[in-house]
Amino acid sequence: MERVNITIGPLSFDHADYDADNDVLYLHVGEPQAGEGEETPEGHVIRYVPGTSHIVGLTVLGARRVLERDGRLSVTIPGTVETTAEQLAPALAAV
């Protein structure tokens, strides 16, 4: 788990772990914690503090593939926000 500073729309994450073999990016607010997951229309998973709307994590499936294909990554939270490969670079380097 690497400390990072990643902002996607109104969300800020300070921890990241990237599984390069499966192309899955895990972003966290603070250390990873239990949460309730909800799938986004894009197929990613947002994790909330149980019983609240406070976001504590985001799991991005196919992060590099999406960035290479589209040049940006979109996440609906409930509004759609986007980020670029440059903004995600520190997180994608977190192993």
PDB file of N, CA and C in Angstrom:
ATOM      1  N   MET A   1       0.862  -1.174   0.000  1.00  0.00           N
ATOM      2  CA  MET A   1       0.000   0.000   0.000  1.00  0.00           C
ATOM      3  C   MET A   1       0.907   1.235   0.000  1.00  0.00           C
ATOM      4  N   GLU A   2       0.763   2.028  -1.021  1.00  0.00           N
ATOM      5  CA  GLU A   2       1.562   3.242  -1.168  1.00  0.00           C
ATOM      6  C   GLU A   2       0.746   4.470  -0.775  1.00  0.00           C
ATOM      7  N   ARG A   3       1.407   5.457  -0.179  1.00  0.00           N
ATOM      8  CA  ARG A   3       0.750   6.736   0.082  1.00  0.00           C
ATOM      9  C   ARG A   3       0.804   7.541  -1.209  1.00  0.00           C
ATOM     10  N   VAL A   4      -0.334   8.069  -1.598  1.00  0.00           N
ATOM     11  CA  VAL A   4      -0.451   8.860  -2.822  1.00  0.00           C
ATOM     12  C   VAL A   4      -1.390  10.036  -2.545  1.00  0.00           C
ATOM     13  N   ASN A   5      -1.501  10.899  -3.508  1.00  0.00           N
ATOM     14  CA  ASN A   5      -2.482  11.980  -3.448  1.00  0.00           C
ATOM     15  C   ASN A   5      -3.173  12.002  -4.802  1.00  0.00           C
ATOM     16  N   ILE A   6      -4.305  11.293  -4.883  1.00  0.00           N
ATOM     17  CA  ILE A   6      -5.041  11.154  -6.133  1.00  0.00           C
ATOM     18  C   ILE A   6      -6.401  11.821  -5.966  1.00  0.00           C
ATOM     19  N   THR A   7      -6.729  12.720  -6.877  1.00  0.00           N
ATOM     20  CA  THR A   7      -8.030  13.377  -6.855  1.00  0.00           C
ATOM     21  C   THR A   7      -8.772  13.017  -8.131  1.00  0.00           C
ATOM     22  N   ILE A   8     -10.000  12.538  -7.953  1.00  0.00           N
ATOM     23  CA  ILE A   8     -10.887  12.237  -9.078  1.00  0.00           C
ATOM     24  C   ILE A   8     -12.171  12.988  -8.793  1.00  0.00           C
ATOM     25  N   GLY A   9     -12.415  14.036  -9.573  1.00  0.00           N
ATOM     26  CA  GLY A   9     -13.580  14.879  -9.294  1.00  0.00           C
ATOM     27  C   GLY A   9     -13.487  15.402  -7.874  1.00  0.00           C
ATOM     28  N   PRO A  10     -14.541  15.254  -7.064  1.00  0.00           N
ATOM     29  CA  PRO A  10     -14.529  15.763  -5.700  1.00  0.00           C
ATOM     30  C   PRO A  10     -13.878  14.800  -4.706  1.00  0.00           C
ATOM     31  N   LEU A  11     -13.419  13.638  -5.171  1.00  0.00           N
ATOM     32  CA  LEU A  11     -12.863  12.626  -4.274  1.00  0.00           C
ATOM     33  C   LEU A  11     -11.348  12.712  -4.198  1.00  0.00           C
ATOM     34  N   SER A  12     -10.814  12.559  -2.987  1.00  0.00           N
ATOM     35  CA  SER A  12      -9.365  12.513  -2.789  1.00  0.00           C
ATOM     36  C   SER A  12      -9.012  11.222  -2.080  1.00  0.00           C
ATOM     37  N   PHE A  13      -8.040  10.516  -2.618  1.00  0.00           N
ATOM     38  CA  PHE A  13      -7.582   9.257  -2.045  1.00  0.00           C
ATOM     39  C   PHE A  13      -6.118   9.419  -1.654  1.00  0.00           C
ATOM     40  N   ASP A  14      -5.739   8.831  -0.510  1.00  0.00           N
ATOM     41  CA  ASP A  14      -4.361   8.976  -0.055  1.00  0.00           C
ATOM     42  C   ASP A  14      -3.597   7.659   0.043  1.00  0.00           C
ATOM     43  N   HIS A  15      -4.217   6.556  -0.329  1.00  0.00           N
ATOM     44  CA  HIS A  15      -3.542   5.261  -0.372  1.00  0.00           C
ATOM     45  C   HIS A  15      -3.954   4.535  -1.652  1.00  0.00           C
ATOM     46  N   ALA A  16      -2.992   3.811  -2.229  1.00  0.00           N
ATOM     47  CA  ALA A  16      -3.285   3.066  -3.449  1.00  0.00           C
ATOM     48  C   ALA A  16      -2.509   1.758  -3.469  1.00  0.00           C
ATOM     49  N   ASP A  17      -3.089   0.807  -4.128  1.00  0.00           N
ATOM     50  CA  ASP A  17      -2.444  -0.468  -4.392  1.00  0.00           C
ATOM     51  C   ASP A  17      -2.875  -0.864  -5.805  1.00  0.00           C
ATOM     52  N   TYR A  18      -1.914  -1.249  -6.622  1.00  0.00           N
ATOM     53  CA  TYR A  18      -2.232  -1.619  -7.996  1.00  0.00           C
ATOM     54  C   TYR A  18      -1.818  -3.057  -8.245  1.00  0.00           C
ATOM     55  N   ASP A  19      -2.746  -3.880  -8.652  1.00  0.00           N
ATOM     56  CA  ASP A  19      -2.506  -5.266  -9.019  1.00  0.00           C
ATOM     57  C   ASP A  19      -2.293  -5.292 -10.534  1.00  0.00           C
ATOM     58  N   ALA A  20      -1.029  -5.226 -10.946  1.00  0.00           N
ATOM     59  CA  ALA A  20      -0.713  -5.142 -12.378  1.00  0.00           C
ATOM     60  C   ALA A  20      -1.101  -6.413 -13.123  1.00  0.00           C
ATOM     61  N   ASP A  21      -0.988  -7.578 -12.474  1.00  0.00           N
ATOM     62  CA  ASP A  21      -1.328  -8.832 -13.145  1.00  0.00           C
ATOM     63  C   ASP A  21      -2.792  -8.869 -13.574  1.00  0.00           C
ATOM     64  N   ASN A  22      -3.672  -8.308 -12.736  1.00  0.00           N
ATOM     65  CA  ASN A  22      -5.111  -8.313 -13.030  1.00  0.00           C
ATOM     66  C   ASN A  22      -5.641  -6.955 -13.452  1.00  0.00           C
ATOM     67  N   ASP A  23      -4.752  -5.937 -13.516  1.00  0.00           N
ATOM     68  CA  ASP A  23      -5.118  -4.568 -13.905  1.00  0.00           C
ATOM     69  C   ASP A  23      -6.267  -4.029 -13.048  1.00  0.00           C
ATOM     70  N   VAL A  24      -6.068  -4.125 -11.721  1.00  0.00           N
ATOM     71  CA  VAL A  24      -7.056  -3.625 -10.769  1.00  0.00           C
ATOM     72  C   VAL A  24      -6.377  -2.606  -9.865  1.00  0.00           C
ATOM     73  N   LEU A  25      -6.948  -1.412  -9.804  1.00  0.00           N
ATOM     74  CA  LEU A  25      -6.428  -0.331  -8.972  1.00  0.00           C
ATOM     75  C   LEU A  25      -7.344  -0.148  -7.772  1.00  0.00           C
ATOM     76  N   TYR A  26      -6.745  -0.202  -6.583  1.00  0.00           N
ATOM     77  CA  TYR A  26      -7.487  -0.012  -5.333  1.00  0.00           C
ATOM     78  C   TYR A  26      -7.082   1.336  -4.750  1.00  0.00           C
ATOM     79  N   LEU A  27      -8.034   2.242  -4.632  1.00  0.00           N
ATOM     80  CA  LEU A  27      -7.793   3.556  -4.027  1.00  0.00           C
ATOM     81  C   LEU A  27      -8.532   3.620  -2.702  1.00  0.00           C
ATOM     82  N   HIS A  28      -7.884   4.212  -1.684  1.00  0.00           N
ATOM     83  CA  HIS A  28      -8.466   4.263  -0.348  1.00  0.00           C
ATOM     84  C   HIS A  28      -8.323   5.649   0.250  1.00  0.00           C
ATOM     85  N   VAL A  29      -9.251   5.973   1.132  1.00  0.00           N
ATOM     86  CA  VAL A  29      -9.140   7.152   1.981  1.00  0.00           C
ATOM     87  C   VAL A  29      -8.657   6.606   3.318  1.00  0.00           C
ATOM     88  N   GLY A  30      -7.412   6.908   3.688  1.00  0.00           N
ATOM     89  CA  GLY A  30      -6.839   6.308   4.884  1.00  0.00           C
ATOM     90  C   GLY A  30      -6.521   4.843   4.606  1.00  0.00           C
ATOM     91  N   GLU A  31      -6.230   4.112   5.663  1.00  0.00           N
ATOM     92  CA  GLU A  31      -5.961   2.682   5.524  1.00  0.00           C
ATOM     93  C   GLU A  31      -7.230   1.976   5.066  1.00  0.00           C
ATOM     94  N   PRO A  32      -7.096   0.874   4.326  1.00  0.00           N
ATOM     95  CA  PRO A  32      -8.282   0.140   3.889  1.00  0.00           C
ATOM     96  C   PRO A  32      -9.150  -0.247   5.089  1.00  0.00           C
ATOM     97  N   GLN A  33     -10.448  -0.148   4.903  1.00  0.00           N
ATOM     98  CA  GLN A  33     -11.381  -0.486   5.961  1.00  0.00           C
ATOM     99  C   GLN A  33     -12.614  -1.150   5.363  1.00  0.00           C
ATOM    100  N   ALA A  34     -13.352  -1.808   6.217  1.00  0.00           N
ATOM    101  CA  ALA A  34     -14.577  -2.463   5.758  1.00  0.00           C
ATOM    102  C   ALA A  34     -15.531  -1.413   5.209  1.00  0.00           C
ATOM    103  N   GLY A  35     -16.251  -1.776   4.199  1.00  0.00           N
ATOM    104  CA  GLY A  35     -17.208  -0.850   3.606  1.00  0.00           C
ATOM    105  C   GLY A  35     -18.262  -1.598   2.821  1.00  0.00           C
ATOM    106  N   GLU A  36     -19.299  -0.887   2.481  1.00  0.00           N
ATOM    107  CA  GLU A  36     -20.354  -1.430   1.631  1.00  0.00           C
ATOM    108  C   GLU A  36     -20.032  -1.026   0.205  1.00  0.00           C
ATOM    109  N   GLY A  37     -20.005  -1.993  -0.705  1.00  0.00           N
ATOM    110  CA  GLY A  37     -19.661  -1.708  -2.088  1.00  0.00           C
ATOM    111  C   GLY A  37     -20.877  -1.504  -2.963  1.00  0.00           C
ATOM    112  N   GLU A  38     -20.700  -0.639  -3.947  1.00  0.00           N
ATOM    113  CA  GLU A  38     -21.750  -0.398  -4.938  1.00  0.00           C
ATOM    114  C   GLU A  38     -21.079  -0.284  -6.300  1.00  0.00           C
ATOM    115  N   GLU A  39     -21.556  -1.061  -7.259  1.00  0.00           N
ATOM    116  CA  GLU A  39     -20.976  -1.031  -8.595  1.00  0.00           C
ATOM    117  C   GLU A  39     -21.439   0.204  -9.345  1.00  0.00           C
ATOM    118  N   THR A  40     -20.513   0.834 -10.060  1.00  0.00           N
ATOM    119  CA  THR A  40     -20.844   1.997 -10.878  1.00  0.00           C
ATOM    120  C   THR A  40     -21.290   1.512 -12.253  1.00  0.00           C
ATOM    121  N   PRO A  41     -21.923   2.372 -13.045  1.00  0.00           N
ATOM    122  CA  PRO A  41     -22.314   1.976 -14.403  1.00  0.00           C
ATOM    123  C   PRO A  41     -21.109   1.555 -15.259  1.00  0.00           C
ATOM    124  N   GLU A  42     -19.912   2.039 -14.907  1.00  0.00           N
ATOM    125  CA  GLU A  42     -18.703   1.698 -15.663  1.00  0.00           C
ATOM    126  C   GLU A  42     -18.121   0.350 -15.239  1.00  0.00           C
ATOM    127  N   GLY A  43     -18.655  -0.250 -14.165  1.00  0.00           N
ATOM    128  CA  GLY A  43     -18.167  -1.539 -13.698  1.00  0.00           C
ATOM    129  C   GLY A  43     -17.151  -1.461 -12.576  1.00  0.00           C
ATOM    130  N   HIS A  44     -16.877  -0.275 -12.052  1.00  0.00           N
ATOM    131  CA  HIS A  44     -15.968  -0.112 -10.918  1.00  0.00           C
ATOM    132  C   HIS A  44     -16.781  -0.299  -9.631  1.00  0.00           C
ATOM    133  N   VAL A  45     -16.112  -0.294  -8.486  1.00  0.00           N
ATOM    134  CA  VAL A  45     -16.815  -0.452  -7.221  1.00  0.00           C
ATOM    135  C   VAL A  45     -16.433   0.684  -6.281  1.00  0.00           C
ATOM    136  N   ILE A  46     -17.445   1.395  -5.792  1.00  0.00           N
ATOM    137  CA  ILE A  46     -17.247   2.448  -4.786  1.00  0.00           C
ATOM    138  C   ILE A  46     -17.577   1.835  -3.438  1.00  0.00           C
ATOM    139  N   ARG A  47     -16.716   2.085  -2.437  1.00  0.00           N
ATOM    140  CA  ARG A  47     -16.962   1.574  -1.093  1.00  0.00           C
ATOM    141  C   ARG A  47     -17.299   2.736  -0.163  1.00  0.00           C
ATOM    142  N   TYR A  48     -18.368   2.524   0.611  1.00  0.00           N
ATOM    143  CA  TYR A  48     -18.865   3.521   1.555  1.00  0.00           C
ATOM    144  C   TYR A  48     -18.703   3.007   2.977  1.00  0.00           C
ATOM    145  N   VAL A  49     -18.599   3.938   3.944  1.00  0.00           N
ATOM    146  CA  VAL A  49     -18.700   3.568   5.348  1.00  0.00           C
ATOM    147  C   VAL A  49     -20.093   2.971   5.511  1.00  0.00           C
ATOM    148  N   PRO A  50     -20.198   1.784   6.124  1.00  0.00           N
ATOM    149  CA  PRO A  50     -21.512   1.135   6.240  1.00  0.00           C
ATOM    150  C   PRO A  50     -22.593   2.073   6.793  1.00  0.00           C
ATOM    151  N   GLY A  51     -23.734   2.098   6.090  1.00  0.00           N
ATOM    152  CA  GLY A  51     -24.881   2.889   6.518  1.00  0.00           C
ATOM    153  C   GLY A  51     -24.777   4.377   6.230  1.00  0.00           C
ATOM    154  N   THR A  52     -23.741   4.796   5.466  1.00  0.00           N
ATOM    155  CA  THR A  52     -23.568   6.221   5.163  1.00  0.00           C
ATOM    156  C   THR A  52     -23.339   6.409   3.667  1.00  0.00           C
ATOM    157  N   SER A  53     -23.168   7.647   3.246  1.00  0.00           N
ATOM    158  CA  SER A  53     -22.794   7.935   1.863  1.00  0.00           C
ATOM    159  C   SER A  53     -21.349   8.434   1.795  1.00  0.00           C
ATOM    160  N   HIS A  54     -20.583   8.212   2.874  1.00  0.00           N
ATOM    161  CA  HIS A  54     -19.177   8.637   2.945  1.00  0.00           C
ATOM    162  C   HIS A  54     -18.295   7.624   2.207  1.00  0.00           C
ATOM    163  N   ILE A  55     -17.666   8.052   1.127  1.00  0.00           N
ATOM    164  CA  ILE A  55     -16.842   7.174   0.297  1.00  0.00           C
ATOM    165  C   ILE A  55     -15.476   6.971   0.949  1.00  0.00           C
ATOM    166  N   VAL A  56     -15.073   5.686   1.091  1.00  0.00           N
ATOM    167  CA  VAL A  56     -13.776   5.356   1.675  1.00  0.00           C
ATOM    168  C   VAL A  56     -12.878   4.601   0.703  1.00  0.00           C
ATOM    169  N   GLY A  57     -13.396   4.243  -0.466  1.00  0.00           N
ATOM    170  CA  GLY A  57     -12.560   3.523  -1.413  1.00  0.00           C
ATOM    171  C   GLY A  57     -13.179   3.419  -2.781  1.00  0.00           C
ATOM    172  N   LEU A  58     -12.319   3.119  -3.739  1.00  0.00           N
ATOM    173  CA  LEU A  58     -12.743   2.927  -5.120  1.00  0.00           C
ATOM    174  C   LEU A  58     -11.875   1.827  -5.709  1.00  0.00           C
ATOM    175  N   THR A  59     -12.493   0.828  -6.292  1.00  0.00           N
ATOM    176  CA  THR A  59     -11.782  -0.236  -6.987  1.00  0.00           C
ATOM    177  C   THR A  59     -12.038  -0.041  -8.479  1.00  0.00           C
ATOM    178  N   VAL A  60     -10.965   0.172  -9.218  1.00  0.00           N
ATOM    179  CA  VAL A  60     -11.066   0.438 -10.653  1.00  0.00           C
ATOM    180  C   VAL A  60     -10.620  -0.808 -11.401  1.00  0.00           C
ATOM    181  N   LEU A  61     -11.550  -1.431 -12.086  1.00  0.00           N
ATOM    182  CA  LEU A  61     -11.261  -2.631 -12.866  1.00  0.00           C
ATOM    183  C   LEU A  61     -10.783  -2.247 -14.259  1.00  0.00           C
ATOM    184  N   GLY A  62      -9.663  -2.822 -14.692  1.00  0.00           N
ATOM    185  CA  GLY A  62      -9.130  -2.529 -16.026  1.00  0.00           C
ATOM    186  C   GLY A  62      -8.588  -1.119 -16.151  1.00  0.00           C
ATOM    187  N   ALA A  63      -7.958  -0.606 -15.097  1.00  0.00           N
ATOM    188  CA  ALA A  63      -7.517   0.801 -15.071  1.00  0.00           C
ATOM    189  C   ALA A  63      -6.616   1.162 -16.258  1.00  0.00           C
ATOM    190  N   ARG A  64      -5.528   0.438 -16.442  1.00  0.00           N
ATOM    191  CA  ARG A  64      -4.615   0.757 -17.565  1.00  0.00           C
ATOM    192  C   ARG A  64      -5.295   0.544 -18.916  1.00  0.00           C
ATOM    193  N   ARG A  65      -6.064  -0.531 -19.046  1.00  0.00           N
ATOM    194  CA  ARG A  65      -6.752  -0.821 -20.307  1.00  0.00           C
ATOM    195  C   ARG A  65      -7.684   0.323 -20.692  1.00  0.00           C
ATOM    196  N   VAL A  66      -8.452   0.823 -19.726  1.00  0.00           N
ATOM    197  CA  VAL A  66      -9.385   1.923 -19.993  1.00  0.00           C
ATOM    198  C   VAL A  66      -8.618   3.185 -20.367  1.00  0.00           C
ATOM    199  N   LEU A  67      -7.550   3.498 -19.626  1.00  0.00           N
ATOM    200  CA  LEU A  67      -6.770   4.701 -19.924  1.00  0.00           C
ATOM    201  C   LEU A  67      -6.119   4.621 -21.301  1.00  0.00           C
ATOM    202  N   GLU A  68      -5.600   3.446 -21.655  1.00  0.00           N
ATOM    203  CA  GLU A  68      -4.989   3.289 -22.983  1.00  0.00           C
ATOM    204  C   GLU A  68      -6.028   3.388 -24.091  1.00  0.00           C
ATOM    205  N   ARG A  69      -7.215   2.840 -23.851  1.00  0.00           N
ATOM    206  CA  ARG A  69      -8.272   2.839 -24.866  1.00  0.00           C
ATOM    207  C   ARG A  69      -8.920   4.215 -25.013  1.00  0.00           C
ATOM    208  N   ASP A  70      -9.274   4.849 -23.860  1.00  0.00           N
ATOM    209  CA  ASP A  70     -10.065   6.081 -23.887  1.00  0.00           C
ATOM    210  C   ASP A  70      -9.266   7.343 -23.592  1.00  0.00           C
ATOM    211  N   GLY A  71      -8.082   7.202 -22.987  1.00  0.00           N
ATOM    212  CA  GLY A  71      -7.293   8.370 -22.615  1.00  0.00           C
ATOM    213  C   GLY A  71      -7.762   9.035 -21.329  1.00  0.00           C
ATOM    214  N   ARG A  72      -8.818   8.495 -20.725  1.00  0.00           N
ATOM    215  CA  ARG A  72      -9.347   9.030 -19.466  1.00  0.00           C
ATOM    216  C   ARG A  72     -10.167   7.932 -18.802  1.00  0.00           C
ATOM    217  N   LEU A  73     -10.447   8.125 -17.540  1.00  0.00           N
ATOM    218  CA  LEU A  73     -11.235   7.159 -16.788  1.00  0.00           C
ATOM    219  C   LEU A  73     -12.439   7.889 -16.214  1.00  0.00           C
ATOM    220  N   SER A  74     -13.620   7.349 -16.420  1.00  0.00           N
ATOM    221  CA  SER A  74     -14.847   7.952 -15.898  1.00  0.00           C
ATOM    222  C   SER A  74     -15.402   7.076 -14.783  1.00  0.00           C
ATOM    223  N   VAL A  75     -15.925   7.744 -13.748  1.00  0.00           N
ATOM    224  CA  VAL A  75     -16.555   7.049 -12.629  1.00  0.00           C
ATOM    225  C   VAL A  75     -17.814   7.825 -12.264  1.00  0.00           C
ATOM    226  N   THR A  76     -18.926   7.134 -12.125  1.00  0.00           N
ATOM    227  CA  THR A  76     -20.181   7.767 -11.725  1.00  0.00           C
ATOM    228  C   THR A  76     -20.333   7.621 -10.219  1.00  0.00           C
ATOM    229  N   ILE A  77     -20.438   8.779  -9.505  1.00  0.00           N
ATOM    230  CA  ILE A  77     -20.431   8.754  -8.031  1.00  0.00           C
ATOM    231  C   ILE A  77     -21.405   9.690  -7.307  1.00  0.00           C
ATOM    232  N   PRO A  78     -22.570   9.991  -7.527  1.00  0.00           N
ATOM    233  CA  PRO A  78     -23.494   9.588  -8.563  1.00  0.00           C
ATOM    234  C   PRO A  78     -23.322  10.374  -9.845  1.00  0.00           C
ATOM    235  N   GLY A  79     -22.760  11.585  -9.812  1.00  0.00           N
ATOM    236  CA  GLY A  79     -22.474  12.266 -11.069  1.00  0.00           C
ATOM    237  C   GLY A  79     -21.197  11.694 -11.659  1.00  0.00           C
ATOM    238  N   THR A  80     -20.993  11.858 -12.957  1.00  0.00           N
ATOM    239  CA  THR A  80     -19.802  11.317 -13.601  1.00  0.00           C
ATOM    240  C   THR A  80     -18.634  12.274 -13.430  1.00  0.00           C
ATOM    241  N   VAL A  81     -17.488  11.728 -13.013  1.00  0.00           N
ATOM    242  CA  VAL A  81     -16.250  12.491 -12.902  1.00  0.00           C
ATOM    243  C   VAL A  81     -15.200  11.765 -13.728  1.00  0.00           C
ATOM    244  N   GLU A  82     -14.171  12.491 -14.153  1.00  0.00           N
ATOM    245  CA  GLU A  82     -13.128  11.894 -14.984  1.00  0.00           C
ATOM    246  C   GLU A  82     -11.763  12.244 -14.430  1.00  0.00           C
ATOM    247  N   THR A  83     -10.790  11.415 -14.781  1.00  0.00           N
ATOM    248  CA  THR A  83      -9.394  11.677 -14.469  1.00  0.00           C
ATOM    249  C   THR A  83      -8.557  11.214 -15.646  1.00  0.00           C
ATOM    250  N   THR A  84      -7.282  11.580 -15.655  1.00  0.00           N
ATOM    251  CA  THR A  84      -6.395  11.250 -16.768  1.00  0.00           C
ATOM    252  C   THR A  84      -5.324  10.262 -16.319  1.00  0.00           C
ATOM    253  N   ALA A  85      -4.604   9.729 -17.287  1.00  0.00           N
ATOM    254  CA  ALA A  85      -3.499   8.818 -16.989  1.00  0.00           C
ATOM    255  C   ALA A  85      -2.444   9.543 -16.151  1.00  0.00           C
ATOM    256  N   GLU A  86      -2.189  10.794 -16.464  1.00  0.00           N
ATOM    257  CA  GLU A  86      -1.190  11.570 -15.718  1.00  0.00           C
ATOM    258  C   GLU A  86      -1.591  11.705 -14.251  1.00  0.00           C
ATOM    259  N   GLN A  87      -2.854  11.975 -13.995  1.00  0.00           N
ATOM    260  CA  GLN A  87      -3.317  12.130 -12.618  1.00  0.00           C
ATOM    261  C   GLN A  87      -3.283  10.801 -11.860  1.00  0.00           C
ATOM    262  N   LEU A  88      -3.477   9.681 -12.553  1.00  0.00           N
ATOM    263  CA  LEU A  88      -3.458   8.361 -11.904  1.00  0.00           C
ATOM    264  C   LEU A  88      -2.088   7.719 -11.862  1.00  0.00           C
ATOM    265  N   ALA A  89      -1.090   8.305 -12.514  1.00  0.00           N
ATOM    266  CA  ALA A  89       0.234   7.692 -12.597  1.00  0.00           C
ATOM    267  C   ALA A  89       0.803   7.282 -11.240  1.00  0.00           C
ATOM    268  N   PRO A  90       0.735   8.131 -10.193  1.00  0.00           N
ATOM    269  CA  PRO A  90       1.298   7.702  -8.903  1.00  0.00           C
ATOM    270  C   PRO A  90       0.596   6.469  -8.344  1.00  0.00           C
ATOM    271  N   ALA A  91      -0.693   6.353  -8.538  1.00  0.00           N
ATOM    272  CA  ALA A  91      -1.441   5.214  -8.022  1.00  0.00           C
ATOM    273  C   ALA A  91      -1.117   3.950  -8.824  1.00  0.00           C
ATOM    274  N   LEU A  92      -0.970   4.071 -10.139  1.00  0.00           N
ATOM    275  CA  LEU A  92      -0.680   2.913 -10.973  1.00  0.00           C
ATOM    276  C   LEU A  92       0.747   2.400 -10.744  1.00  0.00           C
ATOM    277  N   ALA A  93       1.580   3.220 -10.130  1.00  0.00           N
ATOM    278  CA  ALA A  93       2.932   2.797  -9.785  1.00  0.00           C
ATOM    279  C   ALA A  93       2.969   2.148  -8.403  1.00  0.00           C
ATOM    280  N   ALA A  94       1.891   2.211  -7.660  1.00  0.00           N
ATOM    281  CA  ALA A  94       1.837   1.669  -6.291  1.00  0.00           C
ATOM    282  C   ALA A  94       1.682   0.160  -6.338  1.00  0.00           C
ATOM    283  N   VAL A  95       2.699  -0.535  -5.906  1.00  0.00           N
ATOM    284  CA  VAL A  95       2.633  -2.006  -5.874  1.00  0.00           C
ATOM    285  C   VAL A  95       2.921  -2.519  -4.495  1.00  0.00           C
TER     286      VAL A  95
END
